[in-house]
Amino acid sequence: MLQAADVELVDRDPGVPGLGAVLDPEPLMERLTGPLPPGAEGPARVRTDYLRYKPGTGVTGTLVLEYPGAGVRFARVTALAPEPGGGKLDKEIDYARRRGGRAPDHRVDVSQLSVPEWDGPIVDRGLSLVVVPPLDDRGVPAVRHFAAAPEAFTSPGARRVRTLRYKPGRRWVGRVDDAEGRPTHAVRCRAGSVNVAAHIALAGAGLPVPDLTRISRHGVLATRWIPGESMEALLEAGGREAARAPLAGAGALLARVHGVATPRELPAVETGSEFGESGALGGLGGAVRAVTALLPGLEERTEALARACAPVLTDPAAPRTLVHGDFSADQVLIGASGLALIDLDRVRAANPAVDLASFAAAEIAAGRTAPGTAPAAALGPLLEGYLATASAAAADRLRHDLPAHTAAALLRRATDPFRHRAPEWDSRVRALIAAAEASLPRRS
């Protein structure tokens, strides 16, 4: 059932006729089961996740399909503004139909990349809507490359591929299990090419990161599986006090990352434009537009927030180091051999405050830290571990830059409640904007 804020969004955007169908999983159930052959089993439950929405253009997201017999499968749903001659919709359909059929048969079972009983895309031209499995995602052709020869990216004992995370048009992440169900490898299929310069630099410096086992120019990267529990799971189970020592260790580990020389092979990114733009909004223009597309009444507040962050985000004198780029509790593993860092897709050169702000924002957004908590207090033991070996000047600079970068990170996360279909997502978006505003120093 559509939420009240969903109804308002659909009413504002008649140019995307399938928007309501993507936001409401109940009618989607009918569209997914209608084309199936007689007697075929359809999903028992459908929900949407990882939505990306552009007013007047379209919406895309992940469908999580729960089957009584086949477990969980994933698909990409796309609803577009109709175009003369079919346009992008026909391109999506043509790409899916060129493969024709289900996942190929191999010693390694890759059936999770397809959907049971689907012999092609599910299309509703009246809504300009198409649904395809990851194998037929035109934005991530690396998935099809991996599925064509999974043995090349795994070990001889590999038997099954499981989906861990799927962001349509961006990336697919899975794990490979052996015959006993034990994970052996992680595989990432990305849109575009893979740059492993930072991964190699971190490993060469002795940092605990996954071992690279295979790289493809088509966008596939395989690493050896690291067993362990995520820091996020520990925080969820026992809170900060239970995780005090691991948090301090993670801070010290992050300091080591920031001490690694930036590889020349990493693409150069201008100060303040780490997310693709700079200027008066400090690289936050995209985040402002994303929020106001959902809740137009927040335009003035989000623009003011971005402008308040911009002087720090675009400061040419700010320090620049190698950063993880997406640092949070779910990117730190706690294993028998200690801590390890995973998910290195966004490693780049930037202000080191970016990583600490990312962690603080993630804790606030997850509800493990109260909104309004100062960024330094939100980090607690992690910041202590990070600063243990820092110079006084570096510590002062970090404390100066941290509030603006935390506010920016919260602004970038502000649409997450909508993207992940949280109940009362509009209230949660507003709460994240308020938390971002509270992260900044009060003006006298």
Protein backbone atom coordinates (compact mmCIF):
# COMPACT_ATOMS: atom_id res chain seq x y z
CA MET A 1 0.00 0.00 0.00
CA LEU A 2 1.28 3.46 -0.87
CA GLN A 3 2.26 5.76 1.96
CA ALA A 4 0.77 9.26 2.06
CA ALA A 5 4.06 10.77 0.89
CA ASP A 6 4.17 8.23 -1.98
CA VAL A 7 0.72 9.34 -3.14
CA GLU A 8 1.83 12.97 -3.20
CA LEU A 9 4.95 12.02 -5.16
CA VAL A 10 2.97 10.04 -7.74
CA ASP A 11 0.45 12.87 -8.13
CA ARG A 12 3.26 15.38 -8.77
CA ASP A 13 4.86 13.26 -11.48
CA PRO A 14 2.33 11.99 -14.05
CA GLY A 15 5.17 11.90 -16.57
CA VAL A 16 6.37 8.60 -15.05
CA PRO A 17 3.19 6.47 -15.20
CA GLY A 18 4.81 3.44 -13.59
CA LEU A 19 6.05 5.27 -10.49
CA GLY A 20 3.15 4.12 -8.33
CA ALA A 21 3.59 0.51 -9.43
CA VAL A 22 7.24 0.56 -8.35
CA LEU A 23 6.44 2.10 -4.97
CA ASP A 24 3.60 -0.31 -4.16
CA PRO A 25 4.63 -4.00 -4.08
CA GLU A 26 1.07 -5.37 -4.04
CA PRO A 27 0.19 -4.55 -7.68
CA LEU A 28 3.71 -5.61 -8.61
CA MET A 29 2.88 -9.13 -7.39
CA GLU A 30 0.16 -9.39 -10.04
CA ARG A 31 2.47 -8.19 -12.80
CA LEU A 32 5.16 -10.67 -11.81
CA THR A 33 2.87 -13.70 -11.67
CA GLY A 34 0.60 -12.91 -14.63
CA PRO A 35 3.10 -13.81 -17.40
CA LEU A 36 4.20 -17.10 -15.79
CA PRO A 37 3.24 -20.44 -17.38
CA PRO A 38 0.36 -22.42 -15.77
CA GLY A 39 1.43 -24.15 -12.57
CA ALA A 40 4.60 -22.08 -12.19
CA GLU A 41 5.37 -20.80 -8.72
CA GLY A 42 5.38 -17.05 -8.28
CA PRO A 43 6.91 -15.09 -5.42
CA ALA A 44 5.10 -15.18 -2.08
CA ARG A 45 6.27 -11.69 -1.19
CA VAL A 46 7.80 -8.75 -3.05
CA ARG A 47 9.41 -5.62 -1.70
CA THR A 48 11.44 -2.82 -3.26
CA ASP A 49 14.82 -1.45 -2.20
CA TYR A 50 17.66 0.78 -3.44
CA LEU A 51 15.34 3.13 -5.32
CA ARG A 52 16.77 5.86 -7.54
CA TYR A 53 14.31 8.46 -8.73
CA LYS A 54 14.55 11.42 -11.10
CA PRO A 55 11.36 13.46 -11.57
CA GLY A 56 9.95 13.37 -15.07
CA THR A 57 12.55 10.81 -16.14
CA GLY A 58 12.04 7.57 -14.26
CA VAL A 59 12.64 5.37 -11.26
CA THR A 60 14.64 2.19 -10.86
CA GLY A 61 15.14 -0.13 -7.93
CA THR A 62 15.76 -3.62 -6.63
CA LEU A 63 12.91 -6.08 -6.30
CA VAL A 64 13.47 -8.58 -3.49
CA LEU A 65 11.42 -11.66 -4.43
CA GLU A 66 10.75 -14.26 -1.74
CA TYR A 67 9.89 -17.73 -3.11
CA PRO A 68 8.62 -20.59 -0.92
CA GLY A 69 10.87 -23.10 -2.68
CA ALA A 70 13.69 -21.11 -4.26
CA GLY A 71 14.47 -18.69 -1.44
CA VAL A 72 15.19 -15.05 -2.18
CA ARG A 73 15.89 -13.75 -5.68
CA PHE A 74 16.53 -10.24 -6.94
CA ALA A 75 15.47 -8.26 -9.98
CA ARG A 76 15.70 -4.77 -11.41
CA VAL A 77 12.48 -2.82 -11.92
CA THR A 78 12.55 0.27 -14.12
CA ALA A 79 9.70 2.65 -14.89
CA LEU A 80 10.47 5.39 -17.40
CA ALA A 81 8.81 8.41 -18.91
CA PRO A 82 7.38 7.19 -22.25
CA GLU A 83 9.43 8.13 -25.32
CA PRO A 84 8.47 8.07 -29.00
CA GLY A 85 9.62 4.83 -30.56
CA GLY A 86 10.30 3.11 -27.25
CA GLY A 87 13.58 4.86 -26.40
CA LYS A 88 15.36 3.61 -23.28
CA LEU A 89 12.62 1.12 -22.48
CA ASP A 90 13.23 -0.76 -25.72
CA LYS A 91 16.98 -0.75 -25.07
CA GLU A 92 16.39 -2.44 -21.70
CA ILE A 93 14.07 -5.00 -23.29
CA ASP A 94 16.37 -5.71 -26.23
CA TYR A 95 19.38 -6.31 -23.96
CA ALA A 96 17.41 -8.83 -21.90
CA ARG A 97 15.99 -10.64 -24.90
CA ARG A 98 19.36 -10.98 -26.62
CA ARG A 99 20.40 -13.45 -23.93
CA GLY A 100 17.12 -15.35 -24.11
CA GLY A 101 16.30 -17.74 -21.27
CA ARG A 102 17.60 -18.65 -17.86
CA ALA A 103 21.05 -18.60 -16.34
CA PRO A 104 23.59 -20.83 -18.11
CA ASP A 105 24.47 -24.22 -16.62
CA HIS A 106 27.90 -24.56 -15.00
CA ARG A 107 29.62 -26.53 -12.29
CA VAL A 108 29.08 -23.39 -10.22
CA ASP A 109 25.36 -22.73 -9.74
CA VAL A 110 24.62 -19.14 -10.83
CA SER A 111 20.83 -19.49 -10.82
CA GLN A 112 20.52 -16.67 -8.25
CA LEU A 113 21.39 -14.29 -11.06
CA SER A 114 18.10 -15.15 -12.75
CA VAL A 115 14.52 -15.67 -11.51
CA PRO A 116 12.61 -19.00 -11.55
CA GLU A 117 10.33 -19.49 -14.57
CA TRP A 118 11.33 -16.19 -16.22
CA ASP A 119 12.26 -16.74 -19.85
CA GLY A 120 12.63 -13.05 -20.60
CA PRO A 121 11.84 -9.58 -19.31
CA ILE A 122 8.45 -8.77 -17.82
CA VAL A 123 7.12 -5.72 -19.65
CA ASP A 124 4.16 -3.40 -19.13
CA ARG A 125 4.21 -0.92 -22.00
CA GLY A 126 1.20 0.94 -20.66
CA LEU A 127 3.26 1.89 -17.62
CA SER A 128 6.56 2.00 -19.55
CA LEU A 129 7.85 -0.54 -17.02
CA VAL A 130 10.25 -3.46 -17.33
CA VAL A 131 11.50 -6.03 -14.81
CA VAL A 132 14.67 -8.08 -15.39
CA PRO A 133 16.95 -10.27 -13.24
CA PRO A 134 20.55 -9.13 -12.51
CA LEU A 135 21.74 -11.25 -15.43
CA ASP A 136 19.85 -8.93 -17.78
CA ASP A 137 20.74 -5.59 -16.18
CA ARG A 138 21.99 -3.48 -19.08
CA GLY A 139 23.76 -1.13 -16.68
CA VAL A 140 25.96 -3.90 -15.24
CA PRO A 141 27.05 -6.11 -18.15
CA ALA A 142 29.77 -7.49 -15.87
CA VAL A 143 27.11 -9.77 -14.32
CA ARG A 144 26.60 -11.52 -17.63
CA HIS A 145 30.37 -11.76 -18.12
CA PHE A 146 30.76 -13.43 -14.72
CA ALA A 147 27.83 -15.81 -15.28
CA ALA A 148 29.32 -16.95 -18.58
CA ALA A 149 32.42 -18.35 -16.83
CA PRO A 150 32.05 -18.34 -13.03
CA GLU A 151 34.75 -20.99 -12.65
CA ALA A 152 37.31 -18.45 -13.84
CA PHE A 153 36.67 -16.28 -10.78
CA THR A 154 36.41 -18.97 -8.12
CA SER A 155 38.26 -21.98 -6.73
CA PRO A 156 37.91 -25.61 -7.92
CA GLY A 157 35.64 -26.42 -4.96
CA ALA A 158 33.15 -23.63 -5.69
CA ARG A 159 29.58 -24.80 -6.15
CA ARG A 160 27.09 -21.98 -5.65
CA VAL A 161 26.76 -18.20 -6.01
CA ARG A 162 24.60 -16.22 -3.57
CA THR A 163 23.58 -12.59 -3.95
CA LEU A 164 24.62 -10.35 -1.06
CA ARG A 165 23.74 -6.94 -2.47
CA TYR A 166 22.31 -5.72 -5.73
CA LYS A 167 22.11 -2.06 -6.73
CA PRO A 168 20.54 -1.97 -10.21
CA GLY A 169 22.60 -0.20 -12.80
CA ARG A 170 25.50 0.14 -10.35
CA ARG A 171 26.79 -3.14 -8.99
CA TRP A 172 26.06 -6.69 -7.92
CA VAL A 173 27.91 -8.27 -4.98
CA GLY A 174 27.82 -11.97 -4.23
CA ARG A 175 29.58 -14.71 -2.36
CA VAL A 176 30.68 -18.09 -3.67
CA ASP A 177 30.16 -21.18 -1.51
CA ASP A 178 31.76 -24.61 -1.66
CA ALA A 179 29.83 -27.89 -1.60
CA GLU A 180 29.41 -27.66 2.20
CA GLY A 181 28.01 -24.13 2.00
CA ARG A 182 31.17 -22.46 3.29
CA PRO A 183 31.99 -19.13 1.62
CA THR A 184 35.25 -19.07 -0.34
CA HIS A 185 35.15 -15.87 -2.42
CA ALA A 186 33.40 -12.53 -2.76
CA VAL A 187 32.64 -11.34 -6.29
CA ARG A 188 31.82 -7.79 -7.33
CA CYS A 189 30.37 -6.92 -10.71
CA ARG A 190 30.48 -3.20 -11.35
CA ALA A 191 29.21 -0.79 -13.96
CA GLY A 192 32.32 0.31 -15.85
CA SER A 193 35.87 -0.83 -15.33
CA VAL A 194 37.69 -1.85 -12.15
CA ASN A 195 40.61 0.15 -10.77
CA VAL A 196 42.50 -1.86 -8.16
CA ALA A 197 45.43 0.52 -7.67
CA ALA A 198 44.27 1.50 -4.19
CA HIS A 199 43.53 -2.12 -3.25
CA ILE A 200 47.06 -3.11 -4.23
CA ALA A 201 48.56 -0.13 -2.41
CA LEU A 202 46.72 -0.95 0.81
CA ALA A 203 47.66 -4.63 0.64
CA GLY A 204 51.26 -3.70 -0.14
CA ALA A 205 51.37 -1.52 2.95
CA GLY A 206 50.28 -4.46 5.09
CA LEU A 207 46.69 -3.35 5.64
CA PRO A 208 44.20 -6.18 6.31
CA VAL A 209 42.13 -6.12 3.10
CA PRO A 210 40.75 -9.05 1.06
CA ASP A 211 43.20 -10.87 -1.20
CA LEU A 212 42.58 -10.19 -4.89
CA THR A 213 42.19 -13.44 -6.81
CA ARG A 214 40.89 -12.37 -10.23
CA ILE A 215 40.20 -9.10 -12.05
CA SER A 216 38.45 -8.63 -15.38
CA ARG A 217 38.50 -5.58 -17.61
CA HIS A 218 34.76 -6.16 -18.00
CA GLY A 219 34.15 -4.97 -14.42
CA VAL A 220 34.41 -8.19 -12.38
CA LEU A 221 36.57 -8.39 -9.26
CA ALA A 222 36.98 -11.51 -7.13
CA THR A 223 38.55 -11.62 -3.67
CA ARG A 224 39.15 -14.31 -1.10
CA TRP A 225 36.42 -14.45 1.53
CA ILE A 226 37.33 -13.08 4.96
CA PRO A 227 35.42 -14.85 7.76
CA GLY A 228 34.23 -12.74 10.64
CA GLU A 229 31.49 -10.59 12.13
CA SER A 230 30.86 -7.03 11.04
CA MET A 231 31.40 -4.19 13.47
CA GLU A 232 27.80 -3.23 12.74
CA ALA A 233 26.53 -6.58 14.07
CA LEU A 234 28.55 -6.11 17.26
CA LEU A 235 27.18 -2.59 17.77
CA GLU A 236 23.62 -3.75 17.15
CA ALA A 237 23.97 -6.60 19.64
CA GLY A 238 25.83 -4.91 22.47
CA GLY A 239 26.12 -1.19 21.83
CA ARG A 240 29.20 0.99 21.95
CA GLU A 241 30.47 -0.22 25.32
CA ALA A 242 30.65 -3.82 24.07
CA ALA A 243 32.55 -2.61 21.03
CA ARG A 244 34.85 -0.07 22.69
CA ALA A 245 38.10 -1.93 22.02
CA PRO A 246 37.22 -2.91 18.41
CA LEU A 247 36.12 0.69 17.73
CA ALA A 248 39.43 2.04 18.96
CA GLY A 249 41.18 -0.57 16.83
CA ALA A 250 39.15 0.49 13.81
CA GLY A 251 40.21 4.08 14.38
CA ALA A 252 43.86 3.07 14.50
CA LEU A 253 43.36 0.98 11.36
CA LEU A 254 41.80 3.95 9.57
CA ALA A 255 44.78 6.11 10.54
CA ARG A 256 47.02 3.56 8.83
CA VAL A 257 44.88 3.75 5.69
CA HIS A 258 45.29 7.52 5.66
CA GLY A 259 49.04 7.08 5.94
CA VAL A 260 49.33 5.08 2.70
CA ALA A 261 50.62 7.05 -0.26
CA THR A 262 47.96 7.73 -2.90
CA PRO A 263 48.68 5.64 -6.02
CA ARG A 264 49.29 7.64 -9.19
CA GLU A 265 46.87 5.36 -11.02
CA LEU A 266 43.87 6.61 -9.04
CA PRO A 267 41.73 9.08 -11.02
CA ALA A 268 42.27 12.66 -9.88
CA VAL A 269 39.32 14.31 -8.13
CA GLU A 270 39.13 18.04 -7.44
CA THR A 271 38.76 19.31 -3.88
CA GLY A 272 35.08 19.52 -2.96
CA SER A 273 33.99 17.47 -5.97
CA GLU A 274 34.44 13.96 -4.61
CA PHE A 275 30.87 13.19 -5.67
CA GLY A 276 31.08 14.72 -9.15
CA GLU A 277 30.52 18.45 -8.70
CA SER A 278 31.82 21.48 -6.82
CA GLY A 279 30.91 25.17 -6.66
CA ALA A 280 28.80 27.14 -4.21
CA LEU A 281 27.08 24.01 -2.88
CA GLY A 282 30.38 22.28 -2.17
CA GLY A 283 29.66 19.19 -4.24
CA LEU A 284 26.27 18.75 -2.58
CA GLY A 285 24.07 19.95 -5.43
CA GLY A 286 23.09 16.39 -6.34
CA ALA A 287 22.11 15.63 -2.75
CA VAL A 288 20.02 18.81 -2.57
CA ARG A 289 18.21 17.94 -5.80
CA ALA A 290 17.58 14.36 -4.62
CA VAL A 291 15.94 15.55 -1.40
CA THR A 292 13.85 18.28 -3.01
CA ALA A 293 12.66 15.86 -5.71
CA LEU A 294 10.98 13.93 -2.89
CA LEU A 295 10.03 16.79 -0.57
CA PRO A 296 10.05 20.15 -2.39
CA GLY A 297 9.42 22.02 0.83
CA LEU A 298 12.96 21.21 1.99
CA GLU A 299 14.70 23.05 -0.84
CA GLU A 300 15.56 26.18 1.14
CA ARG A 301 16.88 24.24 4.15
CA THR A 302 18.97 21.81 2.12
CA GLU A 303 20.50 24.57 0.01
CA ALA A 304 21.36 26.54 3.14
CA LEU A 305 22.89 23.42 4.65
CA ALA A 306 25.00 22.79 1.55
CA ARG A 307 26.20 26.40 1.47
CA ALA A 308 27.17 26.20 5.13
CA CYS A 309 29.28 23.10 4.43
CA ALA A 310 30.86 24.40 1.22
CA PRO A 311 33.73 26.50 2.66
CA VAL A 312 35.17 23.46 4.45
CA LEU A 313 34.41 20.98 1.66
CA THR A 314 36.07 23.15 -1.01
CA ASP A 315 39.00 24.48 1.03
CA PRO A 316 42.10 24.08 -1.20
CA ALA A 317 44.32 24.07 1.89
CA ALA A 318 42.59 21.04 3.40
CA PRO A 319 44.74 17.92 3.89
CA ARG A 320 44.36 15.14 1.34
CA THR A 321 45.12 11.50 1.97
CA LEU A 322 44.01 8.14 0.70
CA VAL A 323 40.53 7.52 2.16
CA HIS A 324 38.24 4.49 2.26
CA GLY A 325 35.44 6.64 0.88
CA ASP A 326 32.50 4.71 2.37
CA PHE A 327 33.72 4.04 5.89
CA SER A 328 31.09 2.68 8.28
CA ALA A 329 30.59 -0.11 10.78
CA ASP A 330 29.49 -2.60 8.13
CA GLN A 331 32.80 -2.14 6.28
CA VAL A 332 34.88 -3.38 9.23
CA LEU A 333 35.12 -7.12 9.91
CA ILE A 334 36.13 -8.61 13.24
CA GLY A 335 37.74 -12.00 12.71
CA ALA A 336 40.07 -14.45 14.37
CA SER A 337 43.08 -12.55 12.99
CA GLY A 338 41.81 -9.13 14.04
CA LEU A 339 40.12 -6.36 12.10
CA ALA A 340 39.84 -6.15 8.32
CA LEU A 341 38.52 -3.56 5.87
CA ILE A 342 36.22 -4.51 3.01
CA ASP A 343 34.33 -2.80 0.17
CA LEU A 344 37.08 -0.68 -1.34
CA ASP A 345 35.07 0.50 -4.35
CA ARG A 346 35.20 4.19 -3.38
CA VAL A 347 38.80 4.54 -2.23
CA ARG A 348 40.16 7.88 -3.44
CA ALA A 349 42.18 10.90 -2.36
CA ALA A 350 40.23 13.32 -0.14
CA ASN A 351 40.19 15.10 3.19
CA PRO A 352 40.69 12.42 5.89
CA ALA A 353 37.68 13.89 7.72
CA VAL A 354 35.53 12.32 4.98
CA ASP A 355 35.96 8.84 6.46
CA LEU A 356 35.33 9.79 10.07
CA ALA A 357 32.30 11.85 9.04
CA SER A 358 30.99 8.92 7.01
CA PHE A 359 31.17 6.67 10.08
CA ALA A 360 29.51 9.24 12.36
CA ALA A 361 26.71 9.90 9.84
CA ALA A 362 26.06 6.18 9.43
CA GLU A 363 25.73 5.73 13.20
CA ILE A 364 23.29 8.65 13.44
CA ALA A 365 21.28 7.44 10.43
CA ALA A 366 21.09 3.91 11.88
CA GLY A 367 19.74 5.24 15.17
CA ARG A 368 22.66 3.94 17.23
CA THR A 369 23.67 7.53 18.01
CA ALA A 370 21.11 10.17 18.94
CA PRO A 371 20.50 13.00 16.44
CA GLY A 372 22.12 16.19 17.67
CA THR A 373 25.14 14.35 19.08
CA ALA A 374 28.33 16.21 18.21
CA PRO A 375 30.28 14.32 15.51
CA ALA A 376 33.31 13.82 17.76
CA ALA A 377 31.09 12.37 20.48
CA ALA A 378 29.34 10.16 17.93
CA LEU A 379 32.70 8.62 17.06
CA GLY A 380 33.85 8.17 20.67
CA PRO A 381 36.46 5.38 20.97
CA LEU A 382 36.98 5.27 17.21
CA LEU A 383 38.15 8.89 17.19
CA GLU A 384 40.38 8.22 20.19
CA GLY A 385 42.02 5.33 18.37
CA TYR A 386 42.42 7.40 15.23
CA LEU A 387 44.03 10.37 16.99
CA ALA A 388 46.37 8.27 19.15
CA THR A 389 49.25 8.77 16.71
CA ALA A 390 48.17 12.06 15.12
CA SER A 391 50.07 15.31 15.55
CA ALA A 392 48.43 18.15 17.46
CA ALA A 393 48.07 20.15 14.23
CA ALA A 394 46.44 17.23 12.39
CA ALA A 395 44.05 16.61 15.29
CA ASP A 396 43.05 20.28 15.41
CA ARG A 397 42.41 20.35 11.67
CA LEU A 398 40.34 17.19 11.83
CA ARG A 399 38.19 18.52 14.66
CA HIS A 400 37.65 21.72 12.67
CA ASP A 401 36.60 19.91 9.46
CA LEU A 402 34.61 17.06 11.00
CA PRO A 403 31.29 18.89 11.65
CA ALA A 404 30.88 20.15 8.07
CA HIS A 405 31.82 16.81 6.57
CA THR A 406 29.41 15.01 8.91
CA ALA A 407 26.60 17.37 7.94
CA ALA A 408 27.43 16.75 4.28
CA ALA A 409 27.43 12.98 4.82
CA LEU A 410 24.02 13.15 6.51
CA LEU A 411 22.65 15.27 3.66
CA ARG A 412 23.86 12.66 1.16
CA ARG A 413 22.13 9.97 3.24
CA ALA A 414 18.92 11.93 3.68
CA THR A 415 17.04 10.12 0.90
CA ASP A 416 17.92 6.67 2.27
CA PRO A 417 14.57 6.22 4.07
CA PHE A 418 12.81 6.65 0.72
CA ARG A 419 15.33 4.53 -1.17
CA HIS A 420 14.95 1.67 1.31
CA ARG A 421 11.16 2.09 1.62
CA ALA A 422 11.13 2.84 5.34
CA PRO A 423 7.75 3.45 6.98
CA GLU A 424 6.99 7.18 7.22
CA TRP A 425 10.01 7.86 5.07
CA ASP A 426 9.16 11.55 4.71
CA SER A 427 9.45 12.12 8.47
CA ARG A 428 12.73 10.23 8.52
CA VAL A 429 14.13 12.32 5.67
CA ARG A 430 13.29 15.47 7.62
CA ALA A 431 14.91 14.00 10.73
CA LEU A 432 18.15 13.39 8.85
CA ILE A 433 18.15 16.95 7.54
CA ALA A 434 17.64 18.19 11.10
CA ALA A 435 20.50 15.95 12.27
CA ALA A 436 22.74 17.39 9.55
CA GLU A 437 21.89 20.93 10.63
CA ALA A 438 22.61 20.01 14.25
CA SER A 439 26.06 18.69 13.29
CA LEU A 440 27.23 22.17 12.33
CA PRO A 441 28.55 24.60 14.95
CA ARG A 442 25.92 27.03 16.14
CA ARG A 443 26.40 30.55 14.82
CA SER A 444 26.74 33.21 17.48
